[in-house]
PDB file of N, CA and C in Angstrom:
ATOM      1  N   UNK A   1       0.838  -1.188   0.000  1.00  0.00           N
ATOM      2  CA  UNK A   1       0.000   0.000   0.000  1.00  0.00           C
ATOM      3  C   UNK A   1       0.881   1.248   0.000  1.00  0.00           C
ATOM      4  N   UNK A   2       0.449   2.274  -0.703  1.00  0.00           N
ATOM      5  CA  UNK A   2       1.218   3.516  -0.718  1.00  0.00           C
ATOM      6  C   UNK A   2       1.090   4.236   0.622  1.00  0.00           C
ATOM      7  N   UNK A   3       1.892   5.241   0.821  1.00  0.00           N
ATOM      8  CA  UNK A   3       1.872   6.036   2.039  1.00  0.00           C
ATOM      9  C   UNK A   3       0.475   6.611   2.265  1.00  0.00           C
ATOM     10  N   UNK A   4       0.047   6.644   3.513  1.00  0.00           N
ATOM     11  CA  UNK A   4      -1.300   7.136   3.813  1.00  0.00           C
ATOM     12  C   UNK A   4      -1.478   8.587   3.353  1.00  0.00           C
ATOM     13  N   UNK A   5      -0.411   9.357   3.398  1.00  0.00           N
ATOM     14  CA  UNK A   5      -0.492  10.760   2.975  1.00  0.00           C
ATOM     15  C   UNK A   5      -0.767  10.899   1.481  1.00  0.00           C
ATOM     16  N   UNK A   6      -0.570   9.819   0.735  1.00  0.00           N
ATOM     17  CA  UNK A   6      -0.838   9.825  -0.705  1.00  0.00           C
ATOM     18  C   UNK A   6      -2.278   9.424  -1.037  1.00  0.00           C
ATOM     19  N   UNK A   7      -3.009   8.916  -0.052  1.00  0.00           N
ATOM     20  CA  UNK A   7      -4.391   8.503  -0.297  1.00  0.00           C
ATOM     21  C   UNK A   7      -5.291   9.724  -0.497  1.00  0.00           C
ATOM     22  N   UNK A   8      -6.190   9.639  -1.448  1.00  0.00           N
ATOM     23  CA  UNK A   8      -7.111  10.751  -1.710  1.00  0.00           C
ATOM     24  C   UNK A   8      -7.948  11.092  -0.488  1.00  0.00           C
ATOM     25  N   UNK A   9      -8.344  10.083   0.279  1.00  0.00           N
ATOM     26  CA  UNK A   9      -9.161  10.338   1.462  1.00  0.00           C
ATOM     27  C   UNK A   9      -8.373  11.138   2.496  1.00  0.00           C
ATOM     28  N   UNK A  10      -7.092  10.842   2.645  1.00  0.00           N
ATOM     29  CA  UNK A  10      -6.272  11.615   3.579  1.00  0.00           C
ATOM     30  C   UNK A  10      -6.144  13.055   3.101  1.00  0.00           C
ATOM     31  N   UNK A  11      -5.874  13.229   1.818  1.00  0.00           N
ATOM     32  CA  UNK A  11      -5.708  14.582   1.259  1.00  0.00           C
ATOM     33  C   UNK A  11      -6.976  15.413   1.452  1.00  0.00           C
ATOM     34  N   UNK A  12      -8.141  14.816   1.170  1.00  0.00           N
ATOM     35  CA  UNK A  12      -9.402  15.543   1.338  1.00  0.00           C
ATOM     36  C   UNK A  12      -9.660  15.846   2.808  1.00  0.00           C
ATOM     37  N   UNK A  13      -9.428  14.873   3.678  1.00  0.00           N
ATOM     38  CA  UNK A  13      -9.639  15.088   5.112  1.00  0.00           C
ATOM     39  C   UNK A  13      -8.741  16.210   5.625  1.00  0.00           C
ATOM     40  N   UNK A  14      -7.508  16.247   5.167  1.00  0.00           N
ATOM     41  CA  UNK A  14      -6.577  17.295   5.594  1.00  0.00           C
ATOM     42  C   UNK A  14      -7.044  18.673   5.089  1.00  0.00           C
ATOM     43  N   UNK A  15      -7.461  18.726   3.847  1.00  0.00           N
ATOM     44  CA  UNK A  15      -7.972  19.977   3.278  1.00  0.00           C
ATOM     45  C   UNK A  15      -9.178  20.482   4.081  1.00  0.00           C
ATOM     46  N   UNK A  16     -10.081  19.582   4.430  1.00  0.00           N
ATOM     47  CA  UNK A  16     -11.258  19.971   5.214  1.00  0.00           C
ATOM     48  C   UNK A  16     -10.869  20.411   6.620  1.00  0.00           C
ATOM     49  N   UNK A  17      -9.864  19.773   7.196  1.00  0.00           N
ATOM     50  CA  UNK A  17      -9.393  20.172   8.522  1.00  0.00           C
ATOM     51  C   UNK A  17      -8.893  21.609   8.491  1.00  0.00           C
ATOM     52  N   UNK A  18      -8.125  21.945   7.470  1.00  0.00           N
ATOM     53  CA  UNK A  18      -7.628  23.323   7.351  1.00  0.00           C
ATOM     54  C   UNK A  18      -8.783  24.309   7.226  1.00  0.00           C
ATOM     55  N   UNK A  19      -9.807  23.946   6.465  1.00  0.00           N
ATOM     56  CA  UNK A  19     -10.972  24.827   6.309  1.00  0.00           C
ATOM     57  C   UNK A  19     -11.723  24.991   7.627  1.00  0.00           C
ATOM     58  N   UNK A  20     -11.877  23.907   8.367  1.00  0.00           N
ATOM     59  CA  UNK A  20     -12.580  23.991   9.659  1.00  0.00           C
ATOM     60  C   UNK A  20     -11.798  24.879  10.627  1.00  0.00           C
ATOM     61  N   UNK A  21     -10.478  24.759  10.616  1.00  0.00           N
ATOM     62  CA  UNK A  21      -9.672  25.629  11.481  1.00  0.00           C
ATOM     63  C   UNK A  21      -9.892  27.098  11.118  1.00  0.00           C
ATOM     64  N   UNK A  22      -9.931  27.402   9.826  1.00  0.00           N
ATOM     65  CA  UNK A  22     -10.152  28.793   9.400  1.00  0.00           C
ATOM     66  C   UNK A  22     -11.539  29.281   9.793  1.00  0.00           C
ATOM     67  N   UNK A  23     -12.530  28.471   9.535  1.00  0.00           N
ATOM     68  CA  UNK A  23     -13.921  28.848   9.830  1.00  0.00           C
ATOM     69  C   UNK A  23     -14.123  29.052  11.325  1.00  0.00           C
ATOM     70  N   UNK A  24     -13.573  28.155  12.132  1.00  0.00           N
ATOM     71  CA  UNK A  24     -13.797  28.257  13.582  1.00  0.00           C
ATOM     72  C   UNK A  24     -13.030  29.417  14.211  1.00  0.00           C
ATOM     73  N   UNK A  25     -12.045  29.948  13.516  1.00  0.00           N
ATOM     74  CA  UNK A  25     -11.321  31.116  14.025  1.00  0.00           C
ATOM     75  C   UNK A  25     -12.246  32.319  14.133  1.00  0.00           C
ATOM     76  N   UNK A  26     -13.357  32.284  13.387  1.00  0.00           N
ATOM     77  CA  UNK A  26     -14.320  33.391  13.382  1.00  0.00           C
ATOM     78  C   UNK A  26     -15.465  33.189  14.377  1.00  0.00           C
ATOM     79  N   UNK A  27     -15.495  32.074  15.083  1.00  0.00           N
ATOM     80  CA  UNK A  27     -16.557  31.811  16.048  1.00  0.00           C
ATOM     81  C   UNK A  27     -16.434  32.769  17.231  1.00  0.00           C
ATOM     82  N   UNK A  28     -17.523  32.966  17.966  1.00  0.00           N
ATOM     83  CA  UNK A  28     -17.448  33.818  19.159  1.00  0.00           C
ATOM     84  C   UNK A  28     -16.407  33.302  20.159  1.00  0.00           C
ATOM     85  N   UNK A  29     -15.775  34.208  20.859  1.00  0.00           N
ATOM     86  CA  UNK A  29     -14.712  33.852  21.808  1.00  0.00           C
ATOM     87  C   UNK A  29     -15.211  32.876  22.883  1.00  0.00           C
ATOM     88  N   UNK A  30     -16.478  32.999  23.272  1.00  0.00           N
ATOM     89  CA  UNK A  30     -16.989  32.114  24.321  1.00  0.00           C
ATOM     90  C   UNK A  30     -17.051  30.643  23.885  1.00  0.00           C
ATOM     91  N   UNK A  31     -16.888  30.398  22.585  1.00  0.00           N
ATOM     92  CA  UNK A  31     -16.879  29.027  22.073  1.00  0.00           C
ATOM     93  C   UNK A  31     -15.470  28.438  21.969  1.00  0.00           C
ATOM     94  N   UNK A  32     -14.453  29.218  22.354  1.00  0.00           N
ATOM     95  CA  UNK A  32     -13.069  28.763  22.222  1.00  0.00           C
ATOM     96  C   UNK A  32     -12.814  27.416  22.887  1.00  0.00           C
ATOM     97  N   UNK A  33     -13.389  27.209  24.047  1.00  0.00           N
ATOM     98  CA  UNK A  33     -13.162  25.959  24.771  1.00  0.00           C
ATOM     99  C   UNK A  33     -14.349  25.014  24.654  1.00  0.00           C
ATOM    100  N   UNK A  34     -15.302  25.386  23.832  1.00  0.00           N
ATOM    101  CA  UNK A  34     -16.478  24.554  23.607  1.00  0.00           C
ATOM    102  C   UNK A  34     -16.479  23.994  22.204  1.00  0.00           C
ATOM    103  N   UNK A  35     -17.367  24.530  21.381  1.00  0.00           N
ATOM    104  CA  UNK A  35     -17.566  24.006  20.038  1.00  0.00           C
ATOM    105  C   UNK A  35     -16.306  24.101  19.172  1.00  0.00           C
ATOM    106  N   UNK A  36     -15.564  25.188  19.284  1.00  0.00           N
ATOM    107  CA  UNK A  36     -14.344  25.346  18.484  1.00  0.00           C
ATOM    108  C   UNK A  36     -13.364  24.221  18.806  1.00  0.00           C
ATOM    109  N   UNK A  37     -13.127  23.998  20.066  1.00  0.00           N
ATOM    110  CA  UNK A  37     -12.200  22.953  20.486  1.00  0.00           C
ATOM    111  C   UNK A  37     -12.674  21.574  20.038  1.00  0.00           C
ATOM    112  N   UNK A  38     -13.957  21.298  20.204  1.00  0.00           N
ATOM    113  CA  UNK A  38     -14.505  19.999  19.802  1.00  0.00           C
ATOM    114  C   UNK A  38     -14.396  19.780  18.300  1.00  0.00           C
ATOM    115  N   UNK A  39     -14.731  20.807  17.528  1.00  0.00           N
ATOM    116  CA  UNK A  39     -14.672  20.678  16.070  1.00  0.00           C
ATOM    117  C   UNK A  39     -13.242  20.458  15.592  1.00  0.00           C
ATOM    118  N   UNK A  40     -12.325  21.210  16.134  1.00  0.00           N
ATOM    119  CA  UNK A  40     -10.933  21.074  15.716  1.00  0.00           C
ATOM    120  C   UNK A  40     -10.370  19.705  16.095  1.00  0.00           C
ATOM    121  N   UNK A  41     -10.732  19.241  17.266  1.00  0.00           N
ATOM    122  CA  UNK A  41     -10.258  17.930  17.702  1.00  0.00           C
ATOM    123  C   UNK A  41     -10.840  16.822  16.823  1.00  0.00           C
ATOM    124  N   UNK A  42     -12.134  16.905  16.528  1.00  0.00           N
ATOM    125  CA  UNK A  42     -12.782  15.872  15.715  1.00  0.00           C
ATOM    126  C   UNK A  42     -12.278  15.884  14.275  1.00  0.00           C
ATOM    127  N   UNK A  43     -12.134  17.068  13.692  1.00  0.00           N
ATOM    128  CA  UNK A  43     -11.704  17.125  12.289  1.00  0.00           C
ATOM    129  C   UNK A  43     -10.258  16.649  12.135  1.00  0.00           C
ATOM    130  N   UNK A  44      -9.386  17.017  13.063  1.00  0.00           N
ATOM    131  CA  UNK A  44      -7.998  16.562  12.964  1.00  0.00           C
ATOM    132  C   UNK A  44      -7.882  15.076  13.297  1.00  0.00           C
ATOM    133  N   UNK A  45      -8.828  14.547  14.038  1.00  0.00           N
ATOM    134  CA  UNK A  45      -8.832  13.132  14.394  1.00  0.00           C
ATOM    135  C   UNK A  45      -8.960  12.228  13.170  1.00  0.00           C
ATOM    136  N   UNK A  46      -9.618  12.704  12.137  1.00  0.00           N
ATOM    137  CA  UNK A  46      -9.781  11.896  10.927  1.00  0.00           C
ATOM    138  C   UNK A  46      -8.405  11.563  10.350  1.00  0.00           C
ATOM    139  N   UNK A  47      -7.620  12.579  10.067  1.00  0.00           N
ATOM    140  CA  UNK A  47      -6.289  12.371   9.520  1.00  0.00           C
ATOM    141  C   UNK A  47      -5.352  11.667  10.487  1.00  0.00           C
ATOM    142  N   UNK A  48      -5.429  12.028  11.758  1.00  0.00           N
ATOM    143  CA  UNK A  48      -4.551  11.408  12.748  1.00  0.00           C
ATOM    144  C   UNK A  48      -4.795   9.909  12.857  1.00  0.00           C
ATOM    145  N   UNK A  49      -6.051   9.507  12.830  1.00  0.00           N
ATOM    146  CA  UNK A  49      -6.348   8.080  12.921  1.00  0.00           C
ATOM    147  C   UNK A  49      -5.907   7.326  11.677  1.00  0.00           C
ATOM    148  N   UNK A  50      -5.996   7.967  10.530  1.00  0.00           N
ATOM    149  CA  UNK A  50      -5.499   7.322   9.317  1.00  0.00           C
ATOM    150  C   UNK A  50      -3.992   7.118   9.395  1.00  0.00           C
ATOM    151  N   UNK A  51      -3.281   8.127   9.856  1.00  0.00           N
ATOM    152  CA  UNK A  51      -1.823   8.017   9.964  1.00  0.00           C
ATOM    153  C   UNK A  51      -1.450   6.961  11.003  1.00  0.00           C
ATOM    154  N   UNK A  52      -2.054   7.043  12.173  1.00  0.00           N
ATOM    155  CA  UNK A  52      -1.712   6.071  13.218  1.00  0.00           C
ATOM    156  C   UNK A  52      -2.062   4.648  12.785  1.00  0.00           C
ATOM    157  N   UNK A  53      -3.254   4.473  12.237  1.00  0.00           N
ATOM    158  CA  UNK A  53      -3.673   3.144  11.809  1.00  0.00           C
ATOM    159  C   UNK A  53      -2.792   2.556  10.731  1.00  0.00           C
ATOM    160  N   UNK A  54      -2.301   3.403   9.842  1.00  0.00           N
ATOM    161  CA  UNK A  54      -1.457   2.912   8.744  1.00  0.00           C
ATOM    162  C   UNK A  54      -0.129   2.358   9.244  1.00  0.00           C
ATOM    163  N   UNK A  55       0.248   2.728  10.451  1.00  0.00           N
ATOM    164  CA  UNK A  55       1.518   2.267  11.014  1.00  0.00           C
ATOM    165  C   UNK A  55       1.344   1.015  11.877  1.00  0.00           C
ATOM    166  N   UNK A  56       0.143   0.512  11.963  1.00  0.00           N
ATOM    167  CA  UNK A  56      -0.102  -0.703  12.744  1.00  0.00           C
ATOM    168  C   UNK A  56       0.431  -1.921  12.012  1.00  0.00           C
ATOM    169  N   UNK A  57       0.425  -3.028  12.694  1.00  0.00           N
ATOM    170  CA  UNK A  57       1.083  -4.226  12.181  1.00  0.00           C
ATOM    171  C   UNK A  57       0.323  -4.948  11.076  1.00  0.00           C
ATOM    172  N   UNK A  58      -0.978  -4.779  11.034  1.00  0.00           N
ATOM    173  CA  UNK A  58      -1.745  -5.507  10.021  1.00  0.00           C
ATOM    174  C   UNK A  58      -2.983  -4.722   9.597  1.00  0.00           C
ATOM    175  N   UNK A  59      -3.620  -5.181   8.539  1.00  0.00           N
ATOM    176  CA  UNK A  59      -4.769  -4.464   7.986  1.00  0.00           C
ATOM    177  C   UNK A  59      -5.976  -4.489   8.926  1.00  0.00           C
ATOM    178  N   UNK A  60      -6.083  -5.518   9.770  1.00  0.00           N
ATOM    179  CA  UNK A  60      -7.192  -5.570  10.726  1.00  0.00           C
ATOM    180  C   UNK A  60      -7.106  -4.403  11.719  1.00  0.00           C
ATOM    181  N   UNK A  61      -5.898  -4.142  12.196  1.00  0.00           N
ATOM    182  CA  UNK A  61      -5.703  -3.021  13.116  1.00  0.00           C
ATOM    183  C   UNK A  61      -5.937  -1.692  12.394  1.00  0.00           C
ATOM    184  N   UNK A  62      -5.430  -1.586  11.179  1.00  0.00           N
ATOM    185  CA  UNK A  62      -5.638  -0.364  10.393  1.00  0.00           C
ATOM    186  C   UNK A  62      -7.129  -0.126  10.199  1.00  0.00           C
ATOM    187  N   UNK A  63      -7.859  -1.184   9.897  1.00  0.00           N
ATOM    188  CA  UNK A  63      -9.304  -1.090   9.684  1.00  0.00           C
ATOM    189  C   UNK A  63      -9.998  -0.477  10.905  1.00  0.00           C
ATOM    190  N   UNK A  64      -9.562  -0.849  12.087  1.00  0.00           N
ATOM    191  CA  UNK A  64     -10.154  -0.309  13.309  1.00  0.00           C
ATOM    192  C   UNK A  64      -9.978   1.213  13.369  1.00  0.00           C
ATOM    193  N   UNK A  65      -8.806   1.688  13.001  1.00  0.00           N
ATOM    194  CA  UNK A  65      -8.542   3.129  13.021  1.00  0.00           C
ATOM    195  C   UNK A  65      -9.322   3.858  11.923  1.00  0.00           C
ATOM    196  N   UNK A  66      -9.525   3.196  10.800  1.00  0.00           N
ATOM    197  CA  UNK A  66     -10.355   3.785   9.739  1.00  0.00           C
ATOM    198  C   UNK A  66     -11.785   3.959  10.263  1.00  0.00           C
ATOM    199  N   UNK A  67     -12.261   2.991  11.031  1.00  0.00           N
ATOM    200  CA  UNK A  67     -13.587   3.098  11.634  1.00  0.00           C
ATOM    201  C   UNK A  67     -13.686   4.266  12.596  1.00  0.00           C
ATOM    202  N   UNK A  68     -12.648   4.479  13.372  1.00  0.00           N
ATOM    203  CA  UNK A  68     -12.626   5.627  14.286  1.00  0.00           C
ATOM    204  C   UNK A  68     -12.633   6.923  13.491  1.00  0.00           C
ATOM    205  N   UNK A  69     -11.874   6.962  12.400  1.00  0.00           N
ATOM    206  CA  UNK A  69     -11.850   8.144  11.536  1.00  0.00           C
ATOM    207  C   UNK A  69     -13.249   8.429  10.977  1.00  0.00           C
ATOM    208  N   UNK A  70     -13.961   7.373  10.585  1.00  0.00           N
ATOM    209  CA  UNK A  70     -15.337   7.543  10.082  1.00  0.00           C
ATOM    210  C   UNK A  70     -16.228   8.151  11.156  1.00  0.00           C
ATOM    211  N   UNK A  71     -16.068   7.685  12.382  1.00  0.00           N
ATOM    212  CA  UNK A  71     -16.843   8.239  13.488  1.00  0.00           C
ATOM    213  C   UNK A  71     -16.547   9.715  13.703  1.00  0.00           C
ATOM    214  N   UNK A  72     -15.282  10.081  13.603  1.00  0.00           N
ATOM    215  CA  UNK A  72     -14.896  11.490  13.766  1.00  0.00           C
ATOM    216  C   UNK A  72     -15.473  12.354  12.649  1.00  0.00           C
ATOM    217  N   UNK A  73     -15.479  11.831  11.428  1.00  0.00           N
ATOM    218  CA  UNK A  73     -16.059  12.580  10.306  1.00  0.00           C
ATOM    219  C   UNK A  73     -17.547  12.810  10.530  1.00  0.00           C
ATOM    220  N   UNK A  74     -18.240  11.803  11.050  1.00  0.00           N
ATOM    221  CA  UNK A  74     -19.668  11.950  11.348  1.00  0.00           C
ATOM    222  C   UNK A  74     -19.876  12.967  12.467  1.00  0.00           C
ATOM    223  N   UNK A  75     -19.001  12.959  13.455  1.00  0.00           N
ATOM    224  CA  UNK A  75     -19.077  13.915  14.554  1.00  0.00           C
ATOM    225  C   UNK A  75     -18.951  15.346  14.028  1.00  0.00           C
ATOM    226  N   UNK A  76     -17.997  15.562  13.134  1.00  0.00           N
ATOM    227  CA  UNK A  76     -17.818  16.896  12.558  1.00  0.00           C
ATOM    228  C   UNK A  76     -19.067  17.311  11.779  1.00  0.00           C
ATOM    229  N   UNK A  77     -19.677  16.385  11.088  1.00  0.00           N
ATOM    230  CA  UNK A  77     -20.892  16.707  10.330  1.00  0.00           C
ATOM    231  C   UNK A  77     -21.976  17.268  11.242  1.00  0.00           C
ATOM    232  N   UNK A  78     -22.165  16.657  12.407  1.00  0.00           N
ATOM    233  CA  UNK A  78     -23.158  17.192  13.337  1.00  0.00           C
ATOM    234  C   UNK A  78     -22.718  18.541  13.892  1.00  0.00           C
ATOM    235  N   UNK A  79     -21.450  18.668  14.219  1.00  0.00           N
ATOM    236  CA  UNK A  79     -20.957  19.938  14.755  1.00  0.00           C
ATOM    237  C   UNK A  79     -21.145  21.073  13.754  1.00  0.00           C
ATOM    238  N   UNK A  80     -20.969  20.779  12.483  1.00  0.00           N
ATOM    239  CA  UNK A  80     -21.216  21.779  11.439  1.00  0.00           C
ATOM    240  C   UNK A  80     -22.689  22.164  11.398  1.00  0.00           C
ATOM    241  N   UNK A  81     -23.558  21.169  11.518  1.00  0.00           N
ATOM    242  CA  UNK A  81     -25.010  21.414  11.548  1.00  0.00           C
ATOM    243  C   UNK A  81     -25.360  22.324  12.730  1.00  0.00           C
ATOM    244  N   UNK A  82     -24.791  22.031  13.887  1.00  0.00           N
ATOM    245  CA  UNK A  82     -25.020  22.841  15.074  1.00  0.00           C
ATOM    246  C   UNK A  82     -24.507  24.265  14.869  1.00  0.00           C
ATOM    247  N   UNK A  83     -23.303  24.389  14.327  1.00  0.00           N
ATOM    248  CA  UNK A  83     -22.719  25.715  14.089  1.00  0.00           C
ATOM    249  C   UNK A  83     -23.585  26.532  13.134  1.00  0.00           C
ATOM    250  N   UNK A  84     -24.139  25.876  12.126  1.00  0.00           N
ATOM    251  CA  UNK A  84     -25.029  26.573  11.186  1.00  0.00           C
ATOM    252  C   UNK A  84     -26.273  27.068  11.916  1.00  0.00           C
ATOM    253  N   UNK A  85     -26.885  26.195  12.704  1.00  0.00           N
ATOM    254  CA  UNK A  85     -28.109  26.576  13.404  1.00  0.00           C
ATOM    255  C   UNK A  85     -27.879  27.624  14.488  1.00  0.00           C
ATOM    256  N   UNK A  86     -26.665  27.691  15.008  1.00  0.00           N
ATOM    257  CA  UNK A  86     -26.319  28.733  15.974  1.00  0.00           C
ATOM    258  C   UNK A  86     -25.949  30.050  15.290  1.00  0.00           C
ATOM    259  N   UNK A  87     -25.845  30.031  13.965  1.00  0.00           N
ATOM    260  CA  UNK A  87     -25.511  31.236  13.213  1.00  0.00           C
ATOM    261  C   UNK A  87     -24.029  31.522  13.135  1.00  0.00           C
ATOM    262  N   UNK A  88     -23.194  30.528  13.438  1.00  0.00           N
ATOM    263  CA  UNK A  88     -21.750  30.731  13.410  1.00  0.00           C
ATOM    264  C   UNK A  88     -21.173  30.565  12.011  1.00  0.00           C
ATOM    265  N   UNK A  89     -21.850  29.788  11.155  1.00  0.00           N
ATOM    266  CA  UNK A  89     -21.424  29.623   9.773  1.00  0.00           C
ATOM    267  C   UNK A  89     -22.639  29.785   8.867  1.00  0.00           C
ATOM    268  N   UNK A  90     -22.380  30.206   7.646  1.00  0.00           N
ATOM    269  CA  UNK A  90     -23.462  30.380   6.679  1.00  0.00           C
ATOM    270  C   UNK A  90     -23.936  29.025   6.171  1.00  0.00           C
ATOM    271  N   UNK A  91     -25.107  29.028   5.581  1.00  0.00           N
ATOM    272  CA  UNK A  91     -25.634  27.799   4.990  1.00  0.00           C
ATOM    273  C   UNK A  91     -24.706  27.318   3.872  1.00  0.00           C
ATOM    274  N   UNK A  92     -24.137  28.241   3.117  1.00  0.00           N
ATOM    275  CA  UNK A  92     -23.228  27.893   2.018  1.00  0.00           C
ATOM    276  C   UNK A  92     -21.972  27.189   2.540  1.00  0.00           C
ATOM    277  N   UNK A  93     -21.367  27.731   3.584  1.00  0.00           N
ATOM    278  CA  UNK A  93     -20.178  27.114   4.176  1.00  0.00           C
ATOM    279  C   UNK A  93     -20.543  25.748   4.745  1.00  0.00           C
ATOM    280  N   UNK A  94     -21.690  25.686   5.411  1.00  0.00           N
ATOM    281  CA  UNK A  94     -22.158  24.414   5.959  1.00  0.00           C
ATOM    282  C   UNK A  94     -22.284  23.362   4.859  1.00  0.00           C
ATOM    283  N   UNK A  95     -22.941  23.717   3.770  1.00  0.00           N
ATOM    284  CA  UNK A  95     -23.164  22.751   2.680  1.00  0.00           C
ATOM    285  C   UNK A  95     -21.845  22.293   2.070  1.00  0.00           C
ATOM    286  N   UNK A  96     -20.940  23.221   1.866  1.00  0.00           N
ATOM    287  CA  UNK A  96     -19.638  22.864   1.282  1.00  0.00           C
ATOM    288  C   UNK A  96     -18.896  21.872   2.174  1.00  0.00           C
ATOM    289  N   UNK A  97     -18.828  22.180   3.463  1.00  0.00           N
ATOM    290  CA  UNK A  97     -18.109  21.303   4.376  1.00  0.00           C
ATOM    291  C   UNK A  97     -18.862  19.993   4.614  1.00  0.00           C
ATOM    292  N   UNK A  98     -20.172  20.043   4.700  1.00  0.00           N
ATOM    293  CA  UNK A  98     -20.969  18.832   4.894  1.00  0.00           C
ATOM    294  C   UNK A  98     -20.759  17.858   3.741  1.00  0.00           C
ATOM    295  N   UNK A  99     -20.806  18.390   2.528  1.00  0.00           N
ATOM    296  CA  UNK A  99     -20.582  17.538   1.358  1.00  0.00           C
ATOM    297  C   UNK A  99     -19.173  16.946   1.371  1.00  0.00           C
ATOM    298  N   UNK A 100     -18.210  17.729   1.813  1.00  0.00           N
ATOM    299  CA  UNK A 100     -16.842  17.235   1.916  1.00  0.00           C
ATOM    300  C   UNK A 100     -16.738  16.081   2.900  1.00  0.00           C
ATOM    301  N   UNK A 101     -17.372  16.231   4.054  1.00  0.00           N
ATOM    302  CA  UNK A 101     -17.317  15.159   5.045  1.00  0.00           C
ATOM    303  C   UNK A 101     -18.152  13.956   4.639  1.00  0.00           C
ATOM    304  N   UNK A 102     -19.213  14.193   3.889  1.00  0.00           N
ATOM    305  CA  UNK A 102     -19.984  13.069   3.343  1.00  0.00           C
ATOM    306  C   UNK A 102     -19.095  12.258   2.399  1.00  0.00           C
ATOM    307  N   UNK A 103     -18.342  12.958   1.575  1.00  0.00           N
ATOM    308  CA  UNK A 103     -17.413  12.300   0.640  1.00  0.00           C
ATOM    309  C   UNK A 103     -16.324  11.536   1.403  1.00  0.00           C
ATOM    310  N   UNK A 104     -15.783  12.145   2.443  1.00  0.00           N
ATOM    311  CA  UNK A 104     -14.769  11.472   3.257  1.00  0.00           C
ATOM    312  C   UNK A 104     -15.349  10.185   3.840  1.00  0.00           C
ATOM    313  N   UNK A 105     -16.569  10.250   4.345  1.00  0.00           N
ATOM    314  CA  UNK A 105     -17.212   9.063   4.901  1.00  0.00           C
ATOM    315  C   UNK A 105     -17.339   7.948   3.874  1.00  0.00           C
ATOM    316  N   UNK A 106     -17.730   8.304   2.664  1.00  0.00           N
ATOM    317  CA  UNK A 106     -17.839   7.308   1.594  1.00  0.00           C
ATOM    318  C   UNK A 106     -16.476   6.704   1.258  1.00  0.00           C
ATOM    319  N   UNK A 107     -15.471   7.548   1.202  1.00  0.00           N
ATOM    320  CA  UNK A 107     -14.124   7.075   0.876  1.00  0.00           C
ATOM    321  C   UNK A 107     -13.588   6.166   1.977  1.00  0.00           C
ATOM    322  N   UNK A 108     -13.889   6.495   3.222  1.00  0.00           N
ATOM    323  CA  UNK A 108     -13.450   5.659   4.337  1.00  0.00           C
ATOM    324  C   UNK A 108     -14.158   4.304   4.314  1.00  0.00           C
ATOM    325  N   UNK A 109     -15.415   4.306   3.915  1.00  0.00           N
ATOM    326  CA  UNK A 109     -16.145   3.043   3.785  1.00  0.00           C
ATOM    327  C   UNK A 109     -15.479   2.164   2.740  1.00  0.00           C
ATOM    328  N   UNK A 110     -15.111   2.752   1.615  1.00  0.00           N
ATOM    329  CA  UNK A 110     -14.426   1.982   0.567  1.00  0.00           C
ATOM    330  C   UNK A 110     -13.050   1.494   1.032  1.00  0.00           C
ATOM    331  N   UNK A 111     -12.361   2.319   1.803  1.00  0.00           N
ATOM    332  CA  UNK A 111     -11.064   1.900   2.335  1.00  0.00           C
ATOM    333  C   UNK A 111     -11.253   0.706   3.278  1.00  0.00           C
ATOM    334  N   UNK A 112     -12.271   0.766   4.117  1.00  0.00           N
ATOM    335  CA  UNK A 112     -12.577  -0.352   5.013  1.00  0.00           C
ATOM    336  C   UNK A 112     -12.840  -1.619   4.215  1.00  0.00           C
ATOM    337  N   UNK A 113     -13.617  -1.499   3.160  1.00  0.00           N
ATOM    338  CA  UNK A 113     -13.929  -2.663   2.326  1.00  0.00           C
ATOM    339  C   UNK A 113     -12.671  -3.227   1.672  1.00  0.00           C
ATOM    340  N   UNK A 114     -11.781  -2.351   1.231  1.00  0.00           N
ATOM    341  CA  UNK A 114     -10.551  -2.847   0.601  1.00  0.00           C
ATOM    342  C   UNK A 114      -9.669  -3.545   1.628  1.00  0.00           C
ATOM    343  N   UNK A 115      -9.677  -3.085   2.868  1.00  0.00           N
ATOM    344  CA  UNK A 115      -8.893  -3.726   3.921  1.00  0.00           C
ATOM    345  C   UNK A 115      -9.495  -5.079   4.295  1.00  0.00           C
ATOM    346  N   UNK A 116     -10.816  -5.192   4.173  1.00  0.00           N
ATOM    347  CA  UNK A 116     -11.487  -6.470   4.436  1.00  0.00           C
ATOM    348  C   UNK A 116     -11.071  -7.525   3.417  1.00  0.00           C
ATOM    349  N   UNK A 117     -10.746  -7.077   2.209  1.00  0.00           N
ATOM    350  CA  UNK A 117     -10.395  -8.004   1.139  1.00  0.00           C
ATOM    351  C   UNK A 117      -8.928  -8.410   1.127  1.00  0.00           C
ATOM    352  N   UNK A 118      -8.155  -7.853   2.019  1.00  0.00           N
ATOM    353  CA  UNK A 118      -6.712  -8.187   2.060  1.00  0.00           C
ATOM    354  C   UNK A 118      -6.494  -9.480   2.803  1.00  0.00           C
TER     355      UNK A 118
END
């Protein structure tokens, strides 16, 4: 398998993480230790779990980390929904990021399936 950093799912997840960091920089200061912190932790968790899992001894262990990454992507999707409803992000920004995380989720599902076939 190629380096995890070369996988399209990693590249997209990293790009979305950078966008979430930029967007959350504009949130109200009172959210610094609340929603901002949670969103940043969850979005960066996607890439971190892919990197950590790729260094495990076998594909079964890697698969477990891919599952955790999928969970983190779903968590970010809800956090984006909440941020939109709180008025912290526009509907347009929400839709762009939501679609990105939906795509990441699909890609992670396919990665899981490919690991099942190894």
